[in-house]
């Protein structure tokens, strides 16, 4: 398993996101972290799941996730994964018979314990079906991000930690003949 920090592309700014929203008033501006003036939503799963976003265009501004996605834009296959979809992600990667899987840790400048735990859980699932998720989830629930959420430093819920994204970059395809 190889773990890399977020991509080198810098994410957009709040001003850029709000500028796009101003040009497209029907779009929704979404950002990570605490609510901010001009933004319609935060990327809190607890808040997002209460919204009807069908047919809506979102301007998404994040400090890490967008940069991570842009950093792997040239990859043949990019999967955004979480604990919630870890088993399905591992099954899909096994079907693809990837020679190499690169997990790009995007949170906390490439050091987010919850992202690393998720990546390591998926990596373990690539070689075995019966991996106990509890130790990995426990690490995520005791991470700095989880503590900040619990203490109210970040606006959100514990559910955010269970849906923290790690980017899975499968750079080489091996096709069976």
N, C-alpha and C. Protein backbone atom coordinates (compact mmCIF):
# COMPACT_ATOMS: atom_id res chain seq x y z
N UNK A 1 0.86 -1.18 0.00
CA UNK A 1 0.00 0.00 0.00
C UNK A 1 0.89 1.23 0.00
N UNK A 2 0.55 2.19 -0.81
CA UNK A 2 1.25 3.46 -0.81
C UNK A 2 0.26 4.54 -0.40
N UNK A 3 0.66 5.39 0.51
CA UNK A 3 -0.20 6.48 0.97
C UNK A 3 0.47 7.79 0.61
N UNK A 4 -0.29 8.66 -0.03
CA UNK A 4 0.25 9.95 -0.45
C UNK A 4 -0.58 11.08 0.12
N UNK A 5 0.07 12.23 0.42
CA UNK A 5 -0.71 13.39 0.84
C UNK A 5 -1.51 13.93 -0.33
N UNK A 6 -2.35 14.87 -0.05
CA UNK A 6 -3.21 15.44 -1.09
C UNK A 6 -2.39 15.95 -2.28
N UNK A 7 -3.07 16.07 -3.39
CA UNK A 7 -2.44 16.54 -4.62
C UNK A 7 -1.91 17.95 -4.49
N UNK A 8 -1.08 18.34 -5.42
CA UNK A 8 -0.44 19.64 -5.34
C UNK A 8 -1.30 20.78 -5.86
N UNK A 9 -2.39 20.44 -6.54
CA UNK A 9 -3.26 21.51 -7.04
C UNK A 9 -3.93 22.20 -5.86
N UNK A 10 -3.88 23.52 -5.85
CA UNK A 10 -4.49 24.22 -4.72
C UNK A 10 -6.00 24.32 -4.91
N UNK A 11 -6.76 24.17 -3.83
CA UNK A 11 -8.21 24.25 -3.94
C UNK A 11 -8.65 25.68 -4.19
N UNK A 12 -9.90 25.84 -4.61
CA UNK A 12 -10.45 27.17 -4.82
C UNK A 12 -10.62 27.90 -3.50
N UNK A 13 -10.84 29.18 -3.61
CA UNK A 13 -11.03 29.99 -2.42
C UNK A 13 -12.52 30.20 -2.18
N UNK A 14 -12.86 30.66 -0.99
CA UNK A 14 -14.25 31.02 -0.69
C UNK A 14 -14.73 32.06 -1.69
N UNK A 15 -13.88 33.07 -1.96
CA UNK A 15 -14.26 34.13 -2.89
C UNK A 15 -14.58 33.59 -4.28
N UNK A 16 -13.78 32.64 -4.74
CA UNK A 16 -14.00 32.05 -6.08
C UNK A 16 -15.33 31.30 -6.10
N UNK A 17 -15.62 30.53 -5.05
CA UNK A 17 -16.88 29.80 -4.99
C UNK A 17 -18.06 30.76 -4.97
N UNK A 18 -17.96 31.81 -4.19
CA UNK A 18 -19.05 32.77 -4.11
C UNK A 18 -19.21 33.57 -5.41
N UNK A 19 -18.10 33.78 -6.10
CA UNK A 19 -18.16 34.45 -7.41
C UNK A 19 -18.94 33.58 -8.40
N UNK A 20 -18.67 32.29 -8.41
CA UNK A 20 -19.41 31.37 -9.29
C UNK A 20 -20.90 31.36 -8.93
N UNK A 21 -21.19 31.33 -7.66
CA UNK A 21 -22.59 31.34 -7.22
C UNK A 21 -23.28 32.65 -7.64
N UNK A 22 -22.57 33.76 -7.54
CA UNK A 22 -23.15 35.05 -7.93
C UNK A 22 -23.51 35.07 -9.43
N UNK A 23 -22.68 34.42 -10.24
CA UNK A 23 -22.95 34.36 -11.67
C UNK A 23 -24.07 33.37 -12.00
N UNK A 24 -24.33 32.44 -11.08
CA UNK A 24 -25.35 31.41 -11.28
C UNK A 24 -26.21 31.34 -10.01
N UNK A 25 -27.15 32.25 -9.85
CA UNK A 25 -27.92 32.37 -8.61
C UNK A 25 -28.68 31.11 -8.19
N UNK A 26 -28.99 30.22 -9.12
CA UNK A 26 -29.71 28.99 -8.76
C UNK A 26 -28.78 27.90 -8.23
N UNK A 27 -27.49 28.10 -8.35
CA UNK A 27 -26.54 27.13 -7.83
C UNK A 27 -26.45 27.27 -6.32
N UNK A 28 -26.02 26.22 -5.65
CA UNK A 28 -25.81 26.25 -4.21
C UNK A 28 -24.32 26.24 -3.92
N UNK A 29 -23.90 27.09 -3.01
CA UNK A 29 -22.50 27.13 -2.59
C UNK A 29 -22.35 26.30 -1.32
N UNK A 30 -21.40 25.37 -1.36
CA UNK A 30 -21.15 24.45 -0.25
C UNK A 30 -19.68 24.53 0.11
N UNK A 31 -19.40 24.57 1.41
CA UNK A 31 -17.99 24.60 1.84
C UNK A 31 -17.80 23.68 3.03
N UNK A 32 -16.55 23.34 3.28
CA UNK A 32 -16.25 22.53 4.46
C UNK A 32 -16.12 23.44 5.67
N UNK A 33 -16.13 22.83 6.84
CA UNK A 33 -15.98 23.60 8.06
C UNK A 33 -17.28 24.23 8.53
N UNK A 34 -17.13 25.27 9.32
CA UNK A 34 -18.28 25.95 9.91
C UNK A 34 -19.06 26.73 8.85
N UNK A 35 -20.35 26.97 9.10
CA UNK A 35 -21.13 27.80 8.16
C UNK A 35 -20.45 29.16 7.98
N UNK A 36 -20.57 29.69 6.76
CA UNK A 36 -19.94 30.97 6.45
C UNK A 36 -20.90 31.82 5.63
N UNK A 37 -20.81 33.13 5.77
CA UNK A 37 -21.69 34.03 5.00
C UNK A 37 -21.60 33.76 3.50
N UNK A 38 -22.77 33.70 2.85
CA UNK A 38 -22.85 33.49 1.42
C UNK A 38 -22.96 32.04 0.99
N UNK A 39 -22.60 31.13 1.89
CA UNK A 39 -22.67 29.70 1.55
C UNK A 39 -24.01 29.14 2.01
N UNK A 40 -24.60 28.31 1.17
CA UNK A 40 -25.91 27.73 1.46
C UNK A 40 -25.82 26.55 2.43
N UNK A 41 -24.74 25.79 2.32
CA UNK A 41 -24.60 24.57 3.11
C UNK A 41 -23.14 24.35 3.49
N UNK A 42 -22.93 23.49 4.48
CA UNK A 42 -21.59 22.96 4.73
C UNK A 42 -21.59 21.54 4.19
N UNK A 43 -20.42 20.92 4.11
CA UNK A 43 -20.38 19.56 3.58
C UNK A 43 -20.60 18.51 4.67
N UNK A 44 -21.25 18.88 5.73
CA UNK A 44 -21.60 17.95 6.80
C UNK A 44 -22.61 16.94 6.28
N UNK A 45 -22.31 15.64 6.35
CA UNK A 45 -23.29 14.64 5.91
C UNK A 45 -24.62 14.78 6.63
N UNK A 46 -24.58 15.17 7.91
CA UNK A 46 -25.83 15.37 8.64
C UNK A 46 -26.68 16.47 8.04
N UNK A 47 -26.05 17.52 7.53
CA UNK A 47 -26.80 18.61 6.90
C UNK A 47 -27.19 18.26 5.47
N UNK A 48 -26.27 17.69 4.73
CA UNK A 48 -26.52 17.36 3.32
C UNK A 48 -27.68 16.38 3.17
N UNK A 49 -27.75 15.37 4.07
CA UNK A 49 -28.78 14.35 3.89
C UNK A 49 -30.20 14.89 4.12
N UNK A 50 -30.32 16.07 4.69
CA UNK A 50 -31.65 16.66 4.91
C UNK A 50 -32.10 17.51 3.72
N UNK A 51 -31.25 17.65 2.72
CA UNK A 51 -31.53 18.53 1.58
C UNK A 51 -31.98 17.73 0.36
N UNK A 52 -32.86 18.29 -0.42
CA UNK A 52 -33.22 17.71 -1.71
C UNK A 52 -32.36 18.41 -2.76
N UNK A 53 -31.34 17.72 -3.23
CA UNK A 53 -30.38 18.32 -4.15
C UNK A 53 -30.57 17.83 -5.58
N UNK A 54 -31.65 17.10 -5.82
CA UNK A 54 -31.89 16.59 -7.18
C UNK A 54 -31.97 17.75 -8.16
N UNK A 55 -31.20 17.63 -9.26
CA UNK A 55 -31.23 18.64 -10.30
C UNK A 55 -30.51 19.93 -9.97
N UNK A 56 -29.89 20.01 -8.80
CA UNK A 56 -29.20 21.24 -8.38
C UNK A 56 -27.72 21.15 -8.74
N UNK A 57 -27.14 22.29 -9.05
CA UNK A 57 -25.70 22.37 -9.29
C UNK A 57 -25.07 22.92 -8.02
N UNK A 58 -24.01 22.25 -7.56
CA UNK A 58 -23.32 22.67 -6.34
C UNK A 58 -21.95 23.22 -6.69
N UNK A 59 -21.60 24.32 -6.07
CA UNK A 59 -20.24 24.85 -6.12
C UNK A 59 -19.61 24.39 -4.82
N UNK A 60 -18.67 23.45 -4.91
CA UNK A 60 -18.10 22.84 -3.71
C UNK A 60 -16.72 23.41 -3.46
N UNK A 61 -16.53 23.99 -2.28
CA UNK A 61 -15.22 24.51 -1.89
C UNK A 61 -14.76 23.73 -0.66
N UNK A 62 -13.67 23.02 -0.81
CA UNK A 62 -13.11 22.30 0.33
C UNK A 62 -11.64 22.66 0.46
N UNK A 63 -11.10 22.41 1.63
CA UNK A 63 -9.68 22.69 1.83
C UNK A 63 -8.81 21.51 1.41
N UNK A 64 -9.36 20.31 1.38
CA UNK A 64 -8.53 19.15 1.08
C UNK A 64 -9.15 18.27 -0.01
N UNK A 65 -10.42 17.97 0.08
CA UNK A 65 -11.04 17.03 -0.84
C UNK A 65 -10.93 17.41 -2.29
N UNK A 66 -11.20 18.65 -2.60
CA UNK A 66 -11.13 19.11 -3.99
C UNK A 66 -9.68 19.02 -4.48
N UNK A 67 -8.75 19.43 -3.66
CA UNK A 67 -7.33 19.36 -4.05
C UNK A 67 -6.92 17.91 -4.28
N UNK A 68 -7.41 17.00 -3.45
CA UNK A 68 -7.10 15.58 -3.64
C UNK A 68 -7.64 15.06 -4.95
N UNK A 69 -8.87 15.41 -5.27
CA UNK A 69 -9.48 14.97 -6.53
C UNK A 69 -8.72 15.54 -7.72
N UNK A 70 -8.35 16.81 -7.65
CA UNK A 70 -7.60 17.43 -8.74
C UNK A 70 -6.20 16.81 -8.86
N UNK A 71 -5.63 16.41 -7.73
CA UNK A 71 -4.29 15.83 -7.73
C UNK A 71 -4.22 14.48 -8.41
N UNK A 72 -5.33 13.78 -8.51
CA UNK A 72 -5.34 12.47 -9.16
C UNK A 72 -6.15 12.50 -10.46
N UNK A 73 -6.39 13.68 -10.97
CA UNK A 73 -7.24 13.83 -12.16
C UNK A 73 -6.71 13.05 -13.36
N UNK A 74 -5.42 12.81 -13.43
CA UNK A 74 -4.85 12.07 -14.56
C UNK A 74 -4.87 10.56 -14.39
N UNK A 75 -5.33 10.09 -13.26
CA UNK A 75 -5.34 8.64 -13.02
C UNK A 75 -6.37 7.97 -13.91
N UNK A 76 -6.11 6.73 -14.26
CA UNK A 76 -7.04 5.98 -15.10
C UNK A 76 -8.37 5.74 -14.40
N UNK A 77 -8.32 5.46 -13.12
CA UNK A 77 -9.53 5.24 -12.31
C UNK A 77 -9.35 5.96 -10.98
N UNK A 78 -10.34 6.72 -10.57
CA UNK A 78 -10.32 7.39 -9.28
C UNK A 78 -11.60 7.02 -8.55
N UNK A 79 -11.46 6.53 -7.34
CA UNK A 79 -12.60 6.19 -6.51
C UNK A 79 -12.54 7.03 -5.25
N UNK A 80 -13.64 7.63 -4.88
CA UNK A 80 -13.74 8.34 -3.61
C UNK A 80 -14.43 7.38 -2.66
N UNK A 81 -13.78 7.07 -1.56
CA UNK A 81 -14.28 6.03 -0.68
C UNK A 81 -14.44 6.53 0.75
N UNK A 82 -15.13 5.74 1.54
CA UNK A 82 -15.33 6.03 2.95
C UNK A 82 -15.56 4.71 3.67
N UNK A 83 -15.64 4.76 4.98
CA UNK A 83 -15.96 3.55 5.73
C UNK A 83 -17.29 2.97 5.28
N UNK A 84 -18.22 3.83 4.95
CA UNK A 84 -19.56 3.39 4.58
C UNK A 84 -19.52 2.52 3.33
N UNK A 85 -18.64 2.81 2.40
CA UNK A 85 -18.57 2.05 1.15
C UNK A 85 -17.24 1.29 1.00
N UNK A 86 -16.54 1.07 2.09
CA UNK A 86 -15.22 0.43 2.04
C UNK A 86 -15.27 -0.97 1.43
N UNK A 87 -16.22 -1.79 1.85
CA UNK A 87 -16.28 -3.16 1.33
C UNK A 87 -16.59 -3.16 -0.17
N UNK A 88 -17.52 -2.33 -0.59
CA UNK A 88 -17.84 -2.25 -2.02
C UNK A 88 -16.65 -1.72 -2.81
N UNK A 89 -15.92 -0.77 -2.24
CA UNK A 89 -14.73 -0.23 -2.91
C UNK A 89 -13.69 -1.31 -3.09
N UNK A 90 -13.43 -2.09 -2.05
CA UNK A 90 -12.44 -3.17 -2.13
C UNK A 90 -12.88 -4.23 -3.15
N UNK A 91 -14.16 -4.59 -3.16
CA UNK A 91 -14.65 -5.56 -4.15
C UNK A 91 -14.42 -5.05 -5.57
N UNK A 92 -14.71 -3.77 -5.78
CA UNK A 92 -14.54 -3.19 -7.11
C UNK A 92 -13.06 -3.20 -7.52
N UNK A 93 -12.19 -2.83 -6.60
CA UNK A 93 -10.76 -2.83 -6.90
C UNK A 93 -10.26 -4.25 -7.20
N UNK A 94 -10.76 -5.23 -6.47
CA UNK A 94 -10.36 -6.62 -6.76
C UNK A 94 -10.81 -7.03 -8.16
N UNK A 95 -12.03 -6.63 -8.54
CA UNK A 95 -12.54 -6.94 -9.89
C UNK A 95 -11.66 -6.32 -10.96
N UNK A 96 -11.15 -5.13 -10.69
CA UNK A 96 -10.29 -4.45 -11.66
C UNK A 96 -8.89 -5.06 -11.73
N UNK A 97 -8.56 -5.89 -10.75
CA UNK A 97 -7.23 -6.53 -10.69
C UNK A 97 -6.11 -5.49 -10.78
N UNK A 98 -6.20 -4.50 -9.94
CA UNK A 98 -5.23 -3.41 -9.95
C UNK A 98 -3.84 -3.89 -9.54
N UNK A 99 -2.85 -3.50 -10.31
CA UNK A 99 -1.47 -3.79 -9.93
C UNK A 99 -1.03 -2.90 -8.78
N UNK A 100 -1.53 -1.68 -8.79
CA UNK A 100 -1.14 -0.72 -7.76
C UNK A 100 -2.36 0.11 -7.36
N UNK A 101 -2.53 0.28 -6.07
CA UNK A 101 -3.57 1.16 -5.53
C UNK A 101 -2.87 2.21 -4.69
N UNK A 102 -3.17 3.46 -4.95
CA UNK A 102 -2.58 4.55 -4.18
C UNK A 102 -3.71 5.24 -3.44
N UNK A 103 -3.60 5.31 -2.13
CA UNK A 103 -4.59 6.00 -1.30
C UNK A 103 -4.07 7.41 -1.05
N UNK A 104 -4.83 8.39 -1.45
CA UNK A 104 -4.43 9.78 -1.27
C UNK A 104 -5.18 10.33 -0.06
N UNK A 105 -4.43 10.59 0.99
CA UNK A 105 -4.99 11.11 2.23
C UNK A 105 -5.11 12.62 2.08
N UNK A 106 -6.34 13.13 2.15
CA UNK A 106 -6.53 14.54 1.85
C UNK A 106 -6.68 15.42 3.09
N UNK A 107 -7.19 14.89 4.16
CA UNK A 107 -7.44 15.70 5.34
C UNK A 107 -6.18 16.03 6.11
N UNK A 108 -6.21 17.13 6.84
CA UNK A 108 -5.13 17.55 7.73
C UNK A 108 -3.77 17.53 7.04
N UNK A 109 -3.73 18.14 5.86
CA UNK A 109 -2.49 18.22 5.08
C UNK A 109 -1.86 16.85 4.81
N UNK A 110 -2.70 15.87 4.55
CA UNK A 110 -2.21 14.53 4.22
C UNK A 110 -1.93 13.66 5.41
N UNK A 111 -2.30 14.09 6.61
CA UNK A 111 -1.99 13.34 7.83
C UNK A 111 -3.23 12.95 8.62
N UNK A 112 -4.41 13.06 8.06
CA UNK A 112 -5.64 12.81 8.82
C UNK A 112 -5.75 11.34 9.23
N UNK A 113 -5.78 11.11 10.53
CA UNK A 113 -5.83 9.75 11.06
C UNK A 113 -7.08 9.02 10.58
N UNK A 114 -8.21 9.72 10.47
CA UNK A 114 -9.44 9.05 10.04
C UNK A 114 -9.35 8.62 8.58
N UNK A 115 -8.70 9.43 7.74
CA UNK A 115 -8.51 9.05 6.33
C UNK A 115 -7.53 7.88 6.22
N UNK A 116 -6.46 7.94 7.01
CA UNK A 116 -5.47 6.86 7.00
C UNK A 116 -6.10 5.56 7.47
N UNK A 117 -6.90 5.60 8.52
CA UNK A 117 -7.57 4.39 9.02
C UNK A 117 -8.49 3.81 7.94
N UNK A 118 -9.21 4.66 7.24
CA UNK A 118 -10.09 4.21 6.17
C UNK A 118 -9.27 3.55 5.05
N UNK A 119 -8.20 4.20 4.65
CA UNK A 119 -7.34 3.65 3.59
C UNK A 119 -6.76 2.30 4.01
N UNK A 120 -6.31 2.19 5.25
CA UNK A 120 -5.73 0.93 5.71
C UNK A 120 -6.78 -0.16 5.81
N UNK A 121 -7.99 0.19 6.17
CA UNK A 121 -9.09 -0.79 6.20
C UNK A 121 -9.38 -1.31 4.78
N UNK A 122 -9.47 -0.40 3.81
CA UNK A 122 -9.72 -0.83 2.43
C UNK A 122 -8.56 -1.68 1.93
N UNK A 123 -7.33 -1.29 2.25
CA UNK A 123 -6.17 -2.07 1.84
C UNK A 123 -6.23 -3.48 2.42
N UNK A 124 -6.63 -3.60 3.68
CA UNK A 124 -6.77 -4.92 4.29
C UNK A 124 -7.86 -5.74 3.60
N UNK A 125 -8.94 -5.08 3.21
CA UNK A 125 -10.03 -5.76 2.52
C UNK A 125 -9.64 -6.26 1.13
N UNK A 126 -8.59 -5.70 0.58
CA UNK A 126 -8.13 -6.14 -0.74
C UNK A 126 -7.55 -7.55 -0.69
N UNK A 127 -7.13 -7.98 0.49
CA UNK A 127 -6.52 -9.31 0.61
C UNK A 127 -7.35 -10.29 1.43
N UNK A 128 -8.38 -9.81 2.12
CA UNK A 128 -9.21 -10.71 2.95
C UNK A 128 -10.62 -10.14 3.06
N UNK A 129 -11.61 -11.04 3.08
CA UNK A 129 -13.00 -10.61 3.20
C UNK A 129 -13.45 -10.40 4.64
N UNK A 130 -12.78 -11.02 5.57
CA UNK A 130 -13.25 -11.05 6.96
C UNK A 130 -12.49 -10.09 7.87
N UNK A 131 -12.18 -8.92 7.39
CA UNK A 131 -11.44 -7.93 8.18
C UNK A 131 -12.41 -7.24 9.13
N UNK A 132 -12.07 -7.19 10.39
CA UNK A 132 -12.89 -6.53 11.40
C UNK A 132 -12.72 -5.01 11.25
N UNK A 133 -13.81 -4.28 10.94
CA UNK A 133 -13.69 -2.84 10.75
C UNK A 133 -13.53 -2.06 12.06
N UNK A 134 -13.90 -2.66 13.18
CA UNK A 134 -13.95 -1.94 14.44
C UNK A 134 -12.64 -1.24 14.82
N UNK A 135 -11.47 -1.90 14.74
CA UNK A 135 -10.25 -1.17 15.12
C UNK A 135 -9.99 0.06 14.25
N UNK A 136 -10.33 -0.02 12.98
CA UNK A 136 -10.12 1.11 12.08
C UNK A 136 -11.11 2.24 12.39
N UNK A 137 -12.37 1.87 12.62
CA UNK A 137 -13.39 2.86 12.95
C UNK A 137 -13.07 3.52 14.29
N UNK A 138 -12.60 2.72 15.25
CA UNK A 138 -12.21 3.27 16.56
C UNK A 138 -11.13 4.33 16.40
N UNK A 139 -10.15 4.04 15.53
CA UNK A 139 -9.09 5.03 15.28
C UNK A 139 -9.69 6.32 14.73
N UNK A 140 -10.63 6.18 13.80
CA UNK A 140 -11.27 7.36 13.22
C UNK A 140 -12.05 8.13 14.27
N UNK A 141 -12.78 7.41 15.12
CA UNK A 141 -13.60 8.06 16.14
C UNK A 141 -12.77 8.74 17.22
N UNK A 142 -11.49 8.36 17.34
CA UNK A 142 -10.61 8.97 18.33
C UNK A 142 -9.59 9.92 17.68
N UNK A 143 -9.81 10.25 16.42
CA UNK A 143 -8.90 11.14 15.70
C UNK A 143 -9.07 12.59 16.17
N UNK A 144 -8.14 13.41 15.77
CA UNK A 144 -8.23 14.85 16.09
C UNK A 144 -9.50 15.45 15.52
N UNK A 145 -9.85 15.07 14.29
CA UNK A 145 -11.07 15.61 13.67
C UNK A 145 -12.30 15.23 14.47
N UNK A 146 -12.36 14.00 14.95
CA UNK A 146 -13.51 13.55 15.75
C UNK A 146 -13.57 14.32 17.06
N UNK A 147 -12.42 14.53 17.69
CA UNK A 147 -12.39 15.30 18.94
C UNK A 147 -12.86 16.73 18.71
N UNK A 148 -12.42 17.33 17.59
CA UNK A 148 -12.85 18.70 17.29
C UNK A 148 -14.34 18.77 17.03
N UNK A 149 -14.88 17.76 16.36
CA UNK A 149 -16.33 17.73 16.13
C UNK A 149 -17.08 17.60 17.45
N UNK A 150 -16.59 16.71 18.31
CA UNK A 150 -17.23 16.47 19.60
C UNK A 150 -17.18 17.71 20.48
N UNK A 151 -16.06 18.42 20.42
CA UNK A 151 -15.89 19.62 21.24
C UNK A 151 -16.53 20.85 20.62
N UNK A 152 -17.10 20.70 19.43
CA UNK A 152 -17.77 21.83 18.78
C UNK A 152 -16.83 22.76 18.05
N UNK A 153 -15.55 22.38 17.92
CA UNK A 153 -14.61 23.21 17.17
C UNK A 153 -15.03 23.22 15.71
N UNK A 154 -15.47 22.08 15.22
CA UNK A 154 -16.00 21.99 13.87
C UNK A 154 -17.50 21.75 13.99
N UNK A 155 -18.26 22.32 13.09
CA UNK A 155 -19.70 22.10 13.09
C UNK A 155 -19.98 20.83 12.32
N UNK A 156 -20.65 19.88 12.93
CA UNK A 156 -20.98 18.64 12.26
C UNK A 156 -21.38 17.61 13.29
N UNK A 157 -21.38 16.38 12.87
CA UNK A 157 -21.75 15.29 13.76
C UNK A 157 -20.71 14.19 13.67
N UNK A 158 -20.80 13.24 14.59
CA UNK A 158 -19.90 12.11 14.57
C UNK A 158 -20.00 11.36 13.25
N UNK A 159 -21.15 11.44 12.62
CA UNK A 159 -21.36 10.78 11.33
C UNK A 159 -20.34 11.26 10.30
N UNK A 160 -19.86 12.48 10.43
CA UNK A 160 -18.89 13.00 9.47
C UNK A 160 -17.64 12.13 9.43
N UNK A 161 -17.20 11.64 10.57
CA UNK A 161 -15.99 10.84 10.62
C UNK A 161 -16.19 9.53 9.88
N UNK A 162 -17.38 8.96 9.97
CA UNK A 162 -17.62 7.69 9.30
C UNK A 162 -17.77 7.86 7.80
N UNK A 163 -17.91 9.09 7.33
CA UNK A 163 -18.03 9.32 5.90
C UNK A 163 -16.90 10.20 5.37
N UNK A 164 -15.80 10.27 6.12
CA UNK A 164 -14.64 11.01 5.65
C UNK A 164 -14.09 10.32 4.41
N UNK A 165 -13.77 11.08 3.40
CA UNK A 165 -13.35 10.50 2.14
C UNK A 165 -11.86 10.30 2.08
N UNK A 166 -11.48 9.17 1.53
CA UNK A 166 -10.10 8.98 1.11
C UNK A 166 -10.17 8.68 -0.38
N UNK A 167 -9.26 9.17 -1.13
CA UNK A 167 -9.27 8.98 -2.57
C UNK A 167 -8.43 7.78 -2.90
N UNK A 168 -8.96 6.89 -3.68
CA UNK A 168 -8.27 5.69 -4.08
C UNK A 168 -7.88 5.85 -5.54
N UNK A 169 -6.62 5.78 -5.79
CA UNK A 169 -6.13 5.99 -7.14
C UNK A 169 -5.55 4.69 -7.64
N UNK A 170 -6.17 4.11 -8.60
CA UNK A 170 -5.66 2.89 -9.20
C UNK A 170 -5.02 3.30 -10.50
N UNK A 171 -3.71 3.28 -10.54
CA UNK A 171 -3.01 3.88 -11.66
C UNK A 171 -2.73 2.92 -12.81
N UNK A 172 -2.75 1.60 -12.58
CA UNK A 172 -2.42 0.66 -13.63
C UNK A 172 -3.48 -0.41 -13.71
N UNK A 173 -4.00 -0.63 -14.89
CA UNK A 173 -4.98 -1.70 -15.11
C UNK A 173 -4.27 -2.95 -15.57
N UNK A 174 -4.70 -4.09 -15.07
CA UNK A 174 -4.26 -5.37 -15.58
C UNK A 174 -5.49 -6.08 -16.08
N UNK A 175 -5.55 -6.36 -17.34
CA UNK A 175 -6.71 -7.04 -17.92
C UNK A 175 -6.39 -8.52 -18.06
N UNK A 176 -7.34 -9.38 -17.66
CA UNK A 176 -7.17 -10.82 -17.84
C UNK A 176 -7.40 -11.14 -19.31
N UNK A 177 -6.63 -12.03 -19.83
CA UNK A 177 -6.78 -12.45 -21.21
C UNK A 177 -7.76 -13.58 -21.32
